[in-house]
């Protein structure tokens, strides 16, 4: 199994189920937008699904 991403520290069951995805996911917050701005990249927003 791969190493978990930063979602491993979240409480949301939805976010936790993606903690081992090979994606550098961020929970909603300033850090995601700061990194996107610094790297001049867009933000990909996932709002979940049911």
PDB file of N, CA and C in Angstrom:
ATOM      1  N   UNK A   1       0.853  -1.187   0.000  1.00  0.00           N
ATOM      2  CA  UNK A   1       0.000   0.000   0.000  1.00  0.00           C
ATOM      3  C   UNK A   1       0.889   1.237   0.000  1.00  0.00           C
ATOM      4  N   UNK A   2       0.459   2.274  -0.672  1.00  0.00           N
ATOM      5  CA  UNK A   2       1.221   3.514  -0.752  1.00  0.00           C
ATOM      6  C   UNK A   2       1.085   4.331   0.530  1.00  0.00           C
ATOM      7  N   UNK A   3       1.887   5.351   0.616  1.00  0.00           N
ATOM      8  CA  UNK A   3       1.821   6.262   1.756  1.00  0.00           C
ATOM      9  C   UNK A   3       0.558   7.121   1.636  1.00  0.00           C
ATOM     10  N   UNK A   4      -0.052   7.471   2.759  1.00  0.00           N
ATOM     11  CA  UNK A   4      -1.246   8.318   2.693  1.00  0.00           C
ATOM     12  C   UNK A   4      -0.885   9.755   2.321  1.00  0.00           C
ATOM     13  N   UNK A   5      -1.838  10.459   1.740  1.00  0.00           N
ATOM     14  CA  UNK A   5      -1.652  11.879   1.467  1.00  0.00           C
ATOM     15  C   UNK A   5      -2.152  12.680   2.672  1.00  0.00           C
ATOM     16  N   UNK A   6      -2.219  13.981   2.563  1.00  0.00           N
ATOM     17  CA  UNK A   6      -2.574  14.827   3.716  1.00  0.00           C
ATOM     18  C   UNK A   6      -4.019  14.642   4.189  1.00  0.00           C
ATOM     19  N   UNK A   7      -4.860  13.978   3.403  1.00  0.00           N
ATOM     20  CA  UNK A   7      -6.244  13.752   3.828  1.00  0.00           C
ATOM     21  C   UNK A   7      -6.344  12.747   4.970  1.00  0.00           C
ATOM     22  N   UNK A   8      -5.278  12.026   5.264  1.00  0.00           N
ATOM     23  CA  UNK A   8      -5.296  11.028   6.331  1.00  0.00           C
ATOM     24  C   UNK A   8      -5.627  11.662   7.687  1.00  0.00           C
ATOM     25  N   UNK A   9      -5.418  12.964   7.833  1.00  0.00           N
ATOM     26  CA  UNK A   9      -5.673  13.655   9.104  1.00  0.00           C
ATOM     27  C   UNK A   9      -7.067  14.262   9.205  1.00  0.00           C
ATOM     28  N   UNK A  10      -7.894  14.064   8.191  1.00  0.00           N
ATOM     29  CA  UNK A  10      -9.238  14.648   8.189  1.00  0.00           C
ATOM     30  C   UNK A  10     -10.233  13.767   8.939  1.00  0.00           C
ATOM     31  N   UNK A  11     -11.346  14.353   9.347  1.00  0.00           N
ATOM     32  CA  UNK A  11     -12.403  13.625  10.059  1.00  0.00           C
ATOM     33  C   UNK A  11     -13.521  13.149   9.119  1.00  0.00           C
ATOM     34  N   UNK A  12     -13.661  13.803   7.995  1.00  0.00           N
ATOM     35  CA  UNK A  12     -14.723  13.487   7.044  1.00  0.00           C
ATOM     36  C   UNK A  12     -14.530  12.098   6.439  1.00  0.00           C
ATOM     37  N   UNK A  13     -15.546  11.242   6.501  1.00  0.00           N
ATOM     38  CA  UNK A  13     -15.438   9.923   5.857  1.00  0.00           C
ATOM     39  C   UNK A  13     -15.166  10.032   4.352  1.00  0.00           C
ATOM     40  N   UNK A  14     -15.751  11.032   3.703  1.00  0.00           N
ATOM     41  CA  UNK A  14     -15.515  11.228   2.267  1.00  0.00           C
ATOM     42  C   UNK A  14     -14.038  11.513   1.992  1.00  0.00           C
ATOM     43  N   UNK A  15     -13.451  12.418   2.769  1.00  0.00           N
ATOM     44  CA  UNK A  15     -12.043  12.742   2.556  1.00  0.00           C
ATOM     45  C   UNK A  15     -11.138  11.573   2.920  1.00  0.00           C
ATOM     46  N   UNK A  16     -11.461  10.885   3.991  1.00  0.00           N
ATOM     47  CA  UNK A  16     -10.636   9.749   4.417  1.00  0.00           C
ATOM     48  C   UNK A  16     -10.600   8.630   3.383  1.00  0.00           C
ATOM     49  N   UNK A  17     -11.667   8.449   2.643  1.00  0.00           N
ATOM     50  CA  UNK A  17     -11.655   7.373   1.651  1.00  0.00           C
ATOM     51  C   UNK A  17     -10.706   7.680   0.490  1.00  0.00           C
ATOM     52  N   UNK A  18     -10.216   8.911   0.416  1.00  0.00           N
ATOM     53  CA  UNK A  18      -9.274   9.303  -0.632  1.00  0.00           C
ATOM     54  C   UNK A  18      -7.859   9.519  -0.095  1.00  0.00           C
ATOM     55  N   UNK A  19      -7.621   9.128   1.142  1.00  0.00           N
ATOM     56  CA  UNK A  19      -6.321   9.356   1.779  1.00  0.00           C
ATOM     57  C   UNK A  19      -5.192   8.536   1.162  1.00  0.00           C
ATOM     58  N   UNK A  20      -5.515   7.482   0.442  1.00  0.00           N
ATOM     59  CA  UNK A  20      -4.476   6.662  -0.188  1.00  0.00           C
ATOM     60  C   UNK A  20      -4.485   6.776  -1.708  1.00  0.00           C
ATOM     61  N   UNK A  21      -5.179   7.783  -2.224  1.00  0.00           N
ATOM     62  CA  UNK A  21      -5.136   8.039  -3.667  1.00  0.00           C
ATOM     63  C   UNK A  21      -3.755   8.575  -4.041  1.00  0.00           C
ATOM     64  N   UNK A  22      -3.274   8.264  -5.234  1.00  0.00           N
ATOM     65  CA  UNK A  22      -1.983   8.807  -5.671  1.00  0.00           C
ATOM     66  C   UNK A  22      -2.136  10.234  -6.216  1.00  0.00           C
ATOM     67  N   UNK A  23      -2.836  11.059  -5.454  1.00  0.00           N
ATOM     68  CA  UNK A  23      -3.112  12.445  -5.827  1.00  0.00           C
ATOM     69  C   UNK A  23      -2.736  13.320  -4.638  1.00  0.00           C
ATOM     70  N   UNK A  24      -2.158  14.474  -4.915  1.00  0.00           N
ATOM     71  CA  UNK A  24      -1.753  15.393  -3.850  1.00  0.00           C
ATOM     72  C   UNK A  24      -2.954  16.249  -3.428  1.00  0.00           C
ATOM     73  N   UNK A  25      -3.990  15.581  -2.889  1.00  0.00           N
ATOM     74  CA  UNK A  25      -5.211  16.275  -2.480  1.00  0.00           C
ATOM     75  C   UNK A  25      -4.959  17.186  -1.286  1.00  0.00           C
ATOM     76  N   UNK A  26      -5.698  18.280  -1.244  1.00  0.00           N
ATOM     77  CA  UNK A  26      -5.712  19.188  -0.100  1.00  0.00           C
ATOM     78  C   UNK A  26      -7.141  19.280   0.399  1.00  0.00           C
ATOM     79  N   UNK A  27      -7.356  19.352   1.707  1.00  0.00           N
ATOM     80  CA  UNK A  27      -8.689  19.709   2.189  1.00  0.00           C
ATOM     81  C   UNK A  27      -8.910  21.194   1.878  1.00  0.00           C
ATOM     82  N   UNK A  28     -10.164  21.641   1.939  1.00  0.00           N
ATOM     83  CA  UNK A  28     -10.478  23.042   1.660  1.00  0.00           C
ATOM     84  C   UNK A  28      -9.731  23.924   2.648  1.00  0.00           C
ATOM     85  N   UNK A  29      -9.013  24.907   2.133  1.00  0.00           N
ATOM     86  CA  UNK A  29      -8.299  25.830   3.007  1.00  0.00           C
ATOM     87  C   UNK A  29      -7.281  26.648   2.232  1.00  0.00           C
ATOM     88  N   UNK A  30      -6.659  27.559   2.938  1.00  0.00           N
ATOM     89  CA  UNK A  30      -5.714  28.484   2.317  1.00  0.00           C
ATOM     90  C   UNK A  30      -4.511  27.792   1.685  1.00  0.00           C
ATOM     91  N   UNK A  31      -4.046  26.696   2.273  1.00  0.00           N
ATOM     92  CA  UNK A  31      -2.836  26.032   1.770  1.00  0.00           C
ATOM     93  C   UNK A  31      -2.980  25.614   0.311  1.00  0.00           C
ATOM     94  N   UNK A  32      -4.139  25.113  -0.057  1.00  0.00           N
ATOM     95  CA  UNK A  32      -4.358  24.685  -1.441  1.00  0.00           C
ATOM     96  C   UNK A  32      -4.256  25.865  -2.407  1.00  0.00           C
ATOM     97  N   UNK A  33      -4.855  26.980  -2.037  1.00  0.00           N
ATOM     98  CA  UNK A  33      -4.846  28.147  -2.912  1.00  0.00           C
ATOM     99  C   UNK A  33      -3.475  28.809  -2.955  1.00  0.00           C
ATOM    100  N   UNK A  34      -2.764  28.788  -1.836  1.00  0.00           N
ATOM    101  CA  UNK A  34      -1.407  29.336  -1.808  1.00  0.00           C
ATOM    102  C   UNK A  34      -0.484  28.530  -2.719  1.00  0.00           C
ATOM    103  N   UNK A  35      -0.590  27.201  -2.681  1.00  0.00           N
ATOM    104  CA  UNK A  35       0.248  26.358  -3.539  1.00  0.00           C
ATOM    105  C   UNK A  35      -0.100  26.573  -5.007  1.00  0.00           C
ATOM    106  N   UNK A  36      -1.379  26.638  -5.323  1.00  0.00           N
ATOM    107  CA  UNK A  36      -1.800  26.859  -6.710  1.00  0.00           C
ATOM    108  C   UNK A  36      -1.271  28.194  -7.235  1.00  0.00           C
ATOM    109  N   UNK A  37      -1.354  29.214  -6.420  1.00  0.00           N
ATOM    110  CA  UNK A  37      -0.870  30.531  -6.836  1.00  0.00           C
ATOM    111  C   UNK A  37       0.644  30.510  -7.027  1.00  0.00           C
ATOM    112  N   UNK A  38       1.348  29.907  -6.084  1.00  0.00           N
ATOM    113  CA  UNK A  38       2.810  29.835  -6.151  1.00  0.00           C
ATOM    114  C   UNK A  38       3.274  29.085  -7.394  1.00  0.00           C
ATOM    115  N   UNK A  39       2.563  28.008  -7.756  1.00  0.00           N
ATOM    116  CA  UNK A  39       2.943  27.188  -8.903  1.00  0.00           C
ATOM    117  C   UNK A  39       2.228  27.601 -10.191  1.00  0.00           C
ATOM    118  N   UNK A  40       1.418  28.656 -10.114  1.00  0.00           N
ATOM    119  CA  UNK A  40       0.652  29.153 -11.263  1.00  0.00           C
ATOM    120  C   UNK A  40      -0.152  28.026 -11.916  1.00  0.00           C
ATOM    121  N   UNK A  41      -0.901  27.311 -11.073  1.00  0.00           N
ATOM    122  CA  UNK A  41      -1.725  26.192 -11.531  1.00  0.00           C
ATOM    123  C   UNK A  41      -3.170  26.405 -11.100  1.00  0.00           C
ATOM    124  N   UNK A  42      -4.115  25.839 -11.835  1.00  0.00           N
ATOM    125  CA  UNK A  42      -5.521  25.942 -11.430  1.00  0.00           C
ATOM    126  C   UNK A  42      -5.809  25.030 -10.236  1.00  0.00           C
ATOM    127  N   UNK A  43      -6.932  25.266  -9.602  1.00  0.00           N
ATOM    128  CA  UNK A  43      -7.404  24.428  -8.499  1.00  0.00           C
ATOM    129  C   UNK A  43      -8.478  23.496  -9.053  1.00  0.00           C
ATOM    130  N   UNK A  44      -8.319  22.211  -8.821  1.00  0.00           N
ATOM    131  CA  UNK A  44      -9.327  21.224  -9.201  1.00  0.00           C
ATOM    132  C   UNK A  44     -10.153  20.958  -7.955  1.00  0.00           C
ATOM    133  N   UNK A  45     -11.427  21.270  -8.005  1.00  0.00           N
ATOM    134  CA  UNK A  45     -12.305  21.155  -6.847  1.00  0.00           C
ATOM    135  C   UNK A  45     -13.222  19.954  -6.995  1.00  0.00           C
ATOM    136  N   UNK A  46     -13.160  19.062  -6.026  1.00  0.00           N
ATOM    137  CA  UNK A  46     -14.075  17.917  -5.983  1.00  0.00           C
ATOM    138  C   UNK A  46     -15.063  18.172  -4.857  1.00  0.00           C
ATOM    139  N   UNK A  47     -16.350  18.194  -5.187  1.00  0.00           N
ATOM    140  CA  UNK A  47     -17.360  18.484  -4.167  1.00  0.00           C
ATOM    141  C   UNK A  47     -18.027  17.229  -3.644  1.00  0.00           C
ATOM    142  N   UNK A  48     -17.521  16.087  -4.050  1.00  0.00           N
ATOM    143  CA  UNK A  48     -18.066  14.834  -3.547  1.00  0.00           C
ATOM    144  C   UNK A  48     -19.162  14.287  -4.433  1.00  0.00           C
ATOM    145  N   UNK A  49     -19.678  13.170  -3.999  1.00  0.00           N
ATOM    146  CA  UNK A  49     -20.737  12.492  -4.736  1.00  0.00           C
ATOM    147  C   UNK A  49     -21.457  11.557  -3.790  1.00  0.00           C
ATOM    148  N   UNK A  50     -22.591  11.067  -4.193  1.00  0.00           N
ATOM    149  CA  UNK A  50     -23.330  10.131  -3.336  1.00  0.00           C
ATOM    150  C   UNK A  50     -23.780   8.933  -4.147  1.00  0.00           C
TER     151      UNK A  50
END
